[in-house]
Protein backbone atom coordinates (compact mmCIF):
# COMPACT_ATOMS: atom_id res chain seq x y z
CA LYS A 1 -66.57 -93.98 17.37
CA GLN A 2 -69.22 -95.73 19.44
CA PRO A 3 -71.20 -98.64 17.94
CA ALA A 4 -74.04 -97.60 15.64
CA LYS A 5 -77.62 -97.57 16.87
CA PRO A 6 -79.55 -97.84 13.59
CA THR A 7 -83.25 -97.09 13.37
CA PRO A 8 -85.57 -100.05 12.68
CA GLU A 9 -86.59 -98.65 9.29
CA PRO A 10 -84.26 -97.21 6.63
CA ARG A 11 -84.34 -93.46 6.16
CA LEU A 12 -82.70 -93.64 2.72
CA ARG A 13 -83.85 -96.47 0.42
CA LEU A 14 -82.77 -97.30 -3.12
CA GLN A 15 -84.82 -99.93 -4.92
CA GLY A 16 -83.84 -101.22 -8.35
CA VAL A 17 -82.10 -97.94 -9.19
CA SER A 18 -80.57 -97.62 -12.65
CA VAL A 19 -78.80 -94.53 -13.99
CA ALA A 20 -77.35 -93.76 -17.42
CA ASN A 21 -74.47 -91.39 -18.12
CA ALA A 22 -74.51 -88.55 -20.66
CA ALA A 23 -73.66 -90.99 -23.45
CA GLY A 24 -76.65 -93.16 -22.59
CA HIS A 25 -74.67 -96.05 -21.12
CA VAL A 26 -76.07 -97.67 -17.97
CA VAL A 27 -73.58 -96.98 -15.17
CA VAL A 28 -75.76 -97.84 -12.16
CA ASP A 29 -77.57 -101.10 -12.78
CA ASP A 30 -80.59 -102.27 -10.75
CA LEU A 31 -79.06 -101.25 -7.43
CA ASP A 32 -80.70 -101.92 -4.06
CA LEU A 33 -79.39 -100.31 -0.87
CA ASP A 34 -80.89 -99.28 2.47
CA VAL A 35 -79.29 -96.82 4.88
CA HIS A 36 -80.84 -96.62 8.33
CA GLY A 37 -80.81 -93.61 10.55
CA GLY A 38 -77.91 -93.72 12.98
CA GLU A 39 -75.50 -95.61 10.72
CA ILE A 40 -72.79 -94.83 8.18
CA VAL A 41 -72.75 -96.91 5.03
CA CYS A 42 -69.64 -96.44 2.89
CA VAL A 43 -69.76 -97.22 -0.82
CA ALA A 44 -66.29 -98.49 -1.72
CA GLY A 45 -64.83 -99.38 -5.08
CA VAL A 46 -62.37 -98.40 -7.76
CA GLN A 47 -63.18 -94.99 -9.21
CA GLY A 48 -65.30 -95.22 -12.35
CA ASN A 49 -67.68 -98.00 -11.33
CA GLY A 50 -70.75 -95.81 -11.10
CA GLN A 51 -70.23 -94.27 -7.67
CA SER A 52 -70.15 -90.67 -8.92
CA GLU A 53 -73.27 -91.15 -11.01
CA LEU A 54 -75.04 -92.78 -8.07
CA ALA A 55 -74.32 -89.73 -5.91
CA ASP A 56 -75.56 -87.38 -8.66
CA ALA A 57 -78.76 -89.41 -8.99
CA LEU A 58 -79.38 -89.14 -5.25
CA LEU A 59 -79.25 -85.34 -5.56
CA GLY A 60 -81.38 -85.36 -8.70
CA THR A 61 -78.78 -83.94 -11.09
CA LEU A 62 -78.83 -87.21 -13.05
CA PRO A 63 -82.18 -88.84 -13.83
CA VAL A 64 -83.08 -92.26 -12.47
CA THR A 65 -83.99 -94.38 -15.50
CA ALA A 66 -85.51 -97.21 -13.43
CA GLY A 67 -86.34 -97.90 -9.81
CA SER A 68 -86.91 -95.41 -7.02
CA ILE A 69 -85.16 -93.45 -4.28
CA SER A 70 -87.03 -92.55 -1.09
CA LEU A 71 -86.36 -90.46 2.01
CA ASP A 72 -88.30 -91.40 5.14
CA GLY A 73 -90.76 -93.33 2.99
CA THR A 74 -91.39 -90.51 0.48
CA THR A 75 -90.25 -91.06 -3.10
CA VAL A 76 -87.88 -88.30 -4.23
CA SER A 77 -86.55 -89.73 -7.50
CA GLY A 78 -87.79 -87.60 -10.37
CA ARG A 79 -87.84 -84.44 -8.26
CA SER A 80 -85.57 -81.42 -8.74
CA PRO A 81 -82.41 -81.03 -6.63
CA LYS A 82 -84.05 -78.18 -4.70
CA GLU A 83 -87.07 -80.35 -3.89
CA ILE A 84 -84.82 -83.22 -2.77
CA ILE A 85 -82.78 -80.90 -0.56
CA ASP A 86 -85.98 -79.51 0.96
CA ALA A 87 -87.12 -83.11 1.62
CA GLY A 88 -84.16 -83.55 3.96
CA LEU A 89 -81.10 -84.52 1.91
CA GLY A 90 -77.72 -83.03 2.70
CA PHE A 91 -75.12 -83.34 -0.04
CA VAL A 92 -71.34 -82.94 -0.08
CA PRO A 93 -70.20 -83.19 -3.73
CA GLU A 94 -67.13 -84.95 -5.05
CA ASP A 95 -65.71 -81.76 -6.58
CA ARG A 96 -66.26 -78.97 -4.08
CA GLN A 97 -64.74 -76.26 -6.29
CA HIS A 98 -67.06 -77.09 -9.20
CA ASP A 99 -70.21 -78.10 -7.33
CA GLY A 100 -69.83 -77.26 -3.64
CA PHE A 101 -69.50 -73.49 -3.47
CA VAL A 102 -69.25 -70.28 -5.47
CA GLY A 103 -65.63 -69.21 -5.14
CA SER A 104 -66.21 -65.48 -5.62
CA PHE A 105 -68.96 -65.44 -2.96
CA THR A 106 -68.08 -64.77 0.66
CA VAL A 107 -67.97 -67.36 3.43
CA ALA A 108 -71.23 -65.92 4.79
CA GLU A 109 -72.98 -66.16 1.42
CA ASN A 110 -71.82 -69.71 0.75
CA LEU A 111 -73.10 -70.85 4.13
CA VAL A 112 -76.70 -70.12 3.05
CA LEU A 113 -76.59 -71.16 -0.61
CA ASN A 114 -79.19 -73.89 -0.04
CA SER A 115 -81.58 -71.74 1.99
CA TYR A 116 -80.97 -68.07 1.14
CA ASP A 117 -84.53 -67.71 -0.24
CA GLU A 118 -86.21 -69.01 2.91
CA ALA A 119 -86.77 -67.77 6.44
CA PRO A 120 -84.88 -66.70 8.45
CA TYR A 121 -82.50 -65.48 5.74
CA ALA A 122 -85.11 -63.91 3.46
CA LYS A 123 -87.91 -61.43 4.07
CA GLY A 124 -90.06 -61.53 0.99
CA VAL A 125 -87.75 -60.69 -1.91
CA ARG A 126 -85.07 -59.20 0.36
CA LEU A 127 -82.20 -60.92 2.10
CA ASP A 128 -81.81 -60.51 5.85
CA LEU A 129 -78.11 -59.66 5.80
CA ALA A 130 -77.84 -59.37 9.57
CA ARG A 131 -79.20 -62.90 10.00
CA ILE A 132 -76.88 -64.23 7.30
CA ARG A 133 -73.89 -62.67 9.08
CA ALA A 134 -75.01 -64.04 12.44
CA ASN A 135 -75.31 -67.52 10.95
CA ALA A 136 -71.82 -67.22 9.48
CA ASP A 137 -70.32 -66.16 12.81
CA GLU A 138 -71.94 -69.18 14.47
CA ARG A 139 -70.86 -71.71 11.81
CA VAL A 140 -67.30 -70.39 11.57
CA GLY A 141 -66.88 -70.97 15.30
CA GLU A 142 -68.67 -74.31 15.39
CA PHE A 143 -66.76 -75.79 12.44
CA ASP A 144 -63.40 -74.13 13.14
CA ILE A 145 -63.32 -72.49 9.70
CA ARG A 146 -60.02 -70.62 9.43
CA THR A 147 -60.85 -67.38 7.63
CA GLN A 148 -59.83 -63.76 8.10
CA THR A 149 -63.45 -62.60 8.10
CA ILE A 150 -66.84 -63.94 7.08
CA GLU A 151 -66.62 -61.57 4.10
CA THR A 152 -63.57 -63.41 2.71
CA PRO A 153 -64.17 -65.11 -0.67
CA VAL A 154 -64.24 -68.88 -0.22
CA SER A 155 -61.82 -69.31 -3.15
CA SER A 156 -59.04 -67.84 -0.98
CA LEU A 157 -59.40 -70.48 1.76
CA SER A 158 -57.40 -73.70 2.02
CA GLY A 159 -58.95 -76.91 0.72
CA GLY A 160 -59.74 -78.12 4.21
CA ASN A 161 -61.50 -74.90 5.16
CA GLN A 162 -63.42 -74.86 1.90
CA GLN A 163 -64.69 -78.35 2.72
CA LYS A 164 -65.62 -77.23 6.22
CA VAL A 165 -67.75 -74.46 4.67
CA VAL A 166 -69.56 -77.03 2.50
CA LEU A 167 -70.15 -79.43 5.40
CA ALA A 168 -71.18 -76.64 7.78
CA ARG A 169 -73.83 -75.49 5.31
CA GLU A 170 -75.23 -78.99 4.85
CA LEU A 171 -75.32 -79.77 8.57
CA SER A 172 -76.98 -76.49 9.53
CA ARG A 173 -80.48 -78.00 9.29
CA PRO A 174 -82.20 -81.25 10.32
CA LEU A 175 -81.52 -84.02 7.78
CA ALA A 176 -83.07 -87.35 6.92
CA ALA A 177 -79.91 -88.39 5.05
CA LEU A 178 -76.47 -87.03 4.29
CA VAL A 179 -74.62 -88.08 1.14
CA ALA A 180 -70.92 -87.23 1.11
CA SER A 181 -68.82 -88.08 -1.94
CA GLN A 182 -65.04 -88.21 -1.37
CA PRO A 183 -65.51 -85.97 1.71
CA THR A 184 -61.81 -85.54 2.54
CA ARG A 185 -60.21 -85.49 -0.90
CA GLY A 186 -57.45 -82.89 -1.10
CA VAL A 187 -57.56 -81.74 2.52
CA ASP A 188 -54.89 -81.83 5.23
CA VAL A 189 -54.67 -84.37 8.03
CA GLY A 190 -56.05 -82.05 10.71
CA ALA A 191 -59.09 -81.21 8.60
CA ILE A 192 -59.66 -84.91 7.85
CA GLU A 193 -59.88 -85.70 11.56
CA PHE A 194 -62.33 -82.85 12.13
CA LEU A 195 -64.52 -83.74 9.14
CA HIS A 196 -64.63 -87.40 10.17
CA SER A 197 -65.71 -86.46 13.69
CA ARG A 198 -68.55 -84.31 12.37
CA LEU A 199 -69.77 -87.09 10.08
CA VAL A 200 -69.88 -89.49 13.03
CA GLU A 201 -71.63 -86.86 15.13
CA GLU A 202 -74.29 -86.49 12.41
CA ARG A 203 -74.76 -90.26 12.43
CA ASP A 204 -75.30 -90.15 16.18
CA LYS A 205 -78.10 -87.61 15.70
CA GLY A 206 -80.05 -90.29 13.83
CA THR A 207 -79.26 -89.21 10.28
CA ALA A 208 -78.70 -91.85 7.60
CA VAL A 209 -75.16 -91.21 6.32
CA LEU A 210 -73.98 -92.52 2.94
CA ILE A 211 -70.33 -91.93 2.10
CA VAL A 212 -68.74 -92.61 -1.29
CA SER A 213 -64.99 -93.03 -0.90
CA THR A 214 -62.11 -94.67 -2.74
CA GLU A 215 -59.90 -94.39 0.37
CA LEU A 216 -59.97 -97.68 2.26
CA ASP A 217 -58.48 -96.06 5.38
CA GLU A 218 -61.42 -93.66 5.40
CA VAL A 219 -63.89 -96.49 4.83
CA ALA A 220 -62.42 -98.47 7.73
CA ALA A 221 -62.51 -95.42 10.02
CA LEU A 222 -66.09 -94.38 9.31
CA ALA A 223 -68.20 -97.28 8.06
CA ASP A 224 -70.69 -99.27 10.06
CA ARG A 225 -71.30 -101.26 6.87
CA VAL A 226 -69.36 -101.33 3.60
CA ALA A 227 -71.15 -101.71 0.27
CA VAL A 228 -68.67 -102.56 -2.49
CA MET A 229 -69.61 -101.37 -5.97
CA TYR A 230 -68.39 -102.89 -9.24
CA ARG A 231 -69.64 -101.98 -12.71
CA GLY A 232 -72.71 -100.28 -11.38
CA ARG A 233 -73.79 -103.03 -9.00
CA ILE A 234 -73.36 -103.78 -5.30
CA VAL A 235 -71.39 -107.04 -5.14
CA GLY A 236 -71.80 -107.31 -1.39
CA VAL A 237 -72.30 -105.51 1.93
CA VAL A 238 -69.74 -106.42 4.60
CA PRO A 239 -68.61 -105.26 8.06
CA PRO A 240 -65.98 -102.50 8.30
CA ASP A 241 -63.36 -104.89 9.74
CA THR A 242 -63.41 -107.02 6.58
CA SER A 243 -59.85 -107.67 5.42
CA ARG A 244 -58.28 -105.60 2.65
CA GLU A 245 -57.79 -108.81 0.70
CA VAL A 246 -61.51 -109.57 0.68
CA LEU A 247 -62.37 -105.97 -0.16
CA GLY A 248 -59.83 -106.03 -2.98
CA LEU A 249 -61.42 -109.13 -4.50
CA MET A 250 -64.86 -107.59 -4.20
CA MET A 251 -63.65 -104.40 -5.85
CA ALA A 252 -62.56 -106.61 -8.77
CA GLY A 253 -66.10 -107.97 -9.04
CA VAL A 254 -65.95 -111.11 -6.87
CA PRO A 255 -69.17 -111.54 -4.82
CA ALA A 256 -68.72 -111.23 -1.07
CA ASP A 257 -69.32 -114.89 -0.23
CA GLU A 258 -66.84 -116.07 -2.89
CA ALA A 259 -64.24 -113.51 -1.78
CA LEU A 260 -64.57 -114.66 1.85
CA ALA A 261 -64.31 -118.33 0.80
CA ALA A 262 -61.23 -117.64 -1.35
CA THR A 263 -59.38 -116.02 1.54
CA SER A 264 -60.50 -118.29 4.40
CA GLY A 265 -57.71 -120.16 6.05
CA LYS A 266 -55.03 -117.69 4.97
CA SER A 267 -52.92 -116.14 7.64
């Protein structure tokens, strides 16, 4: 990818964000993070350090217990997921089968799940089925979704094509920010390459892209900056060419400056 050209001001801003899990334990603790338009920030770390809960809080499915989240300067924490989506957030969930699509619905129906009740797909209380089909034909071609027809249930597609459906839906409208959690988990190599290229393309449109990934190869391929998370906190933000040794220490909770000092001078 080409070097990032970030906007002067962040499009996605987290200030002092804390989130508790269902048991009431704080799993995201006073977290600050800015993501500018035109850059990809990858949140790296060992699974279970609050990354999943952070992503859910960004969508509004988990409440923010302290701090604030804003999109283009407008506070969205405390709003419903629908309101946050309408404010310009695109979201690719960690578990696509549970949260990303309705398996018994067709490809065409899944491609408008976030906007089926709005123009141009709705006319009053009625769906515009012709427009929904036209949108599906366009997205299937644009995102190389391998399906027999647009009426095929999404549950019958391969994992990679299911993920393409999810990403195609989220990228079908102008976004302030895109949050993608484990965006290539369980998909084949060819689909990974395609999905990565579309994420970079979205960055180049000026969208703020936040990716949560436990795959260091993916982090190295996509990130313009890497924010390492440990026990609900960001222990440091480093460049994508930071050594695996430094990243490993940070993922164990060592602050970035200490991890860099501990590995300096090693060949």
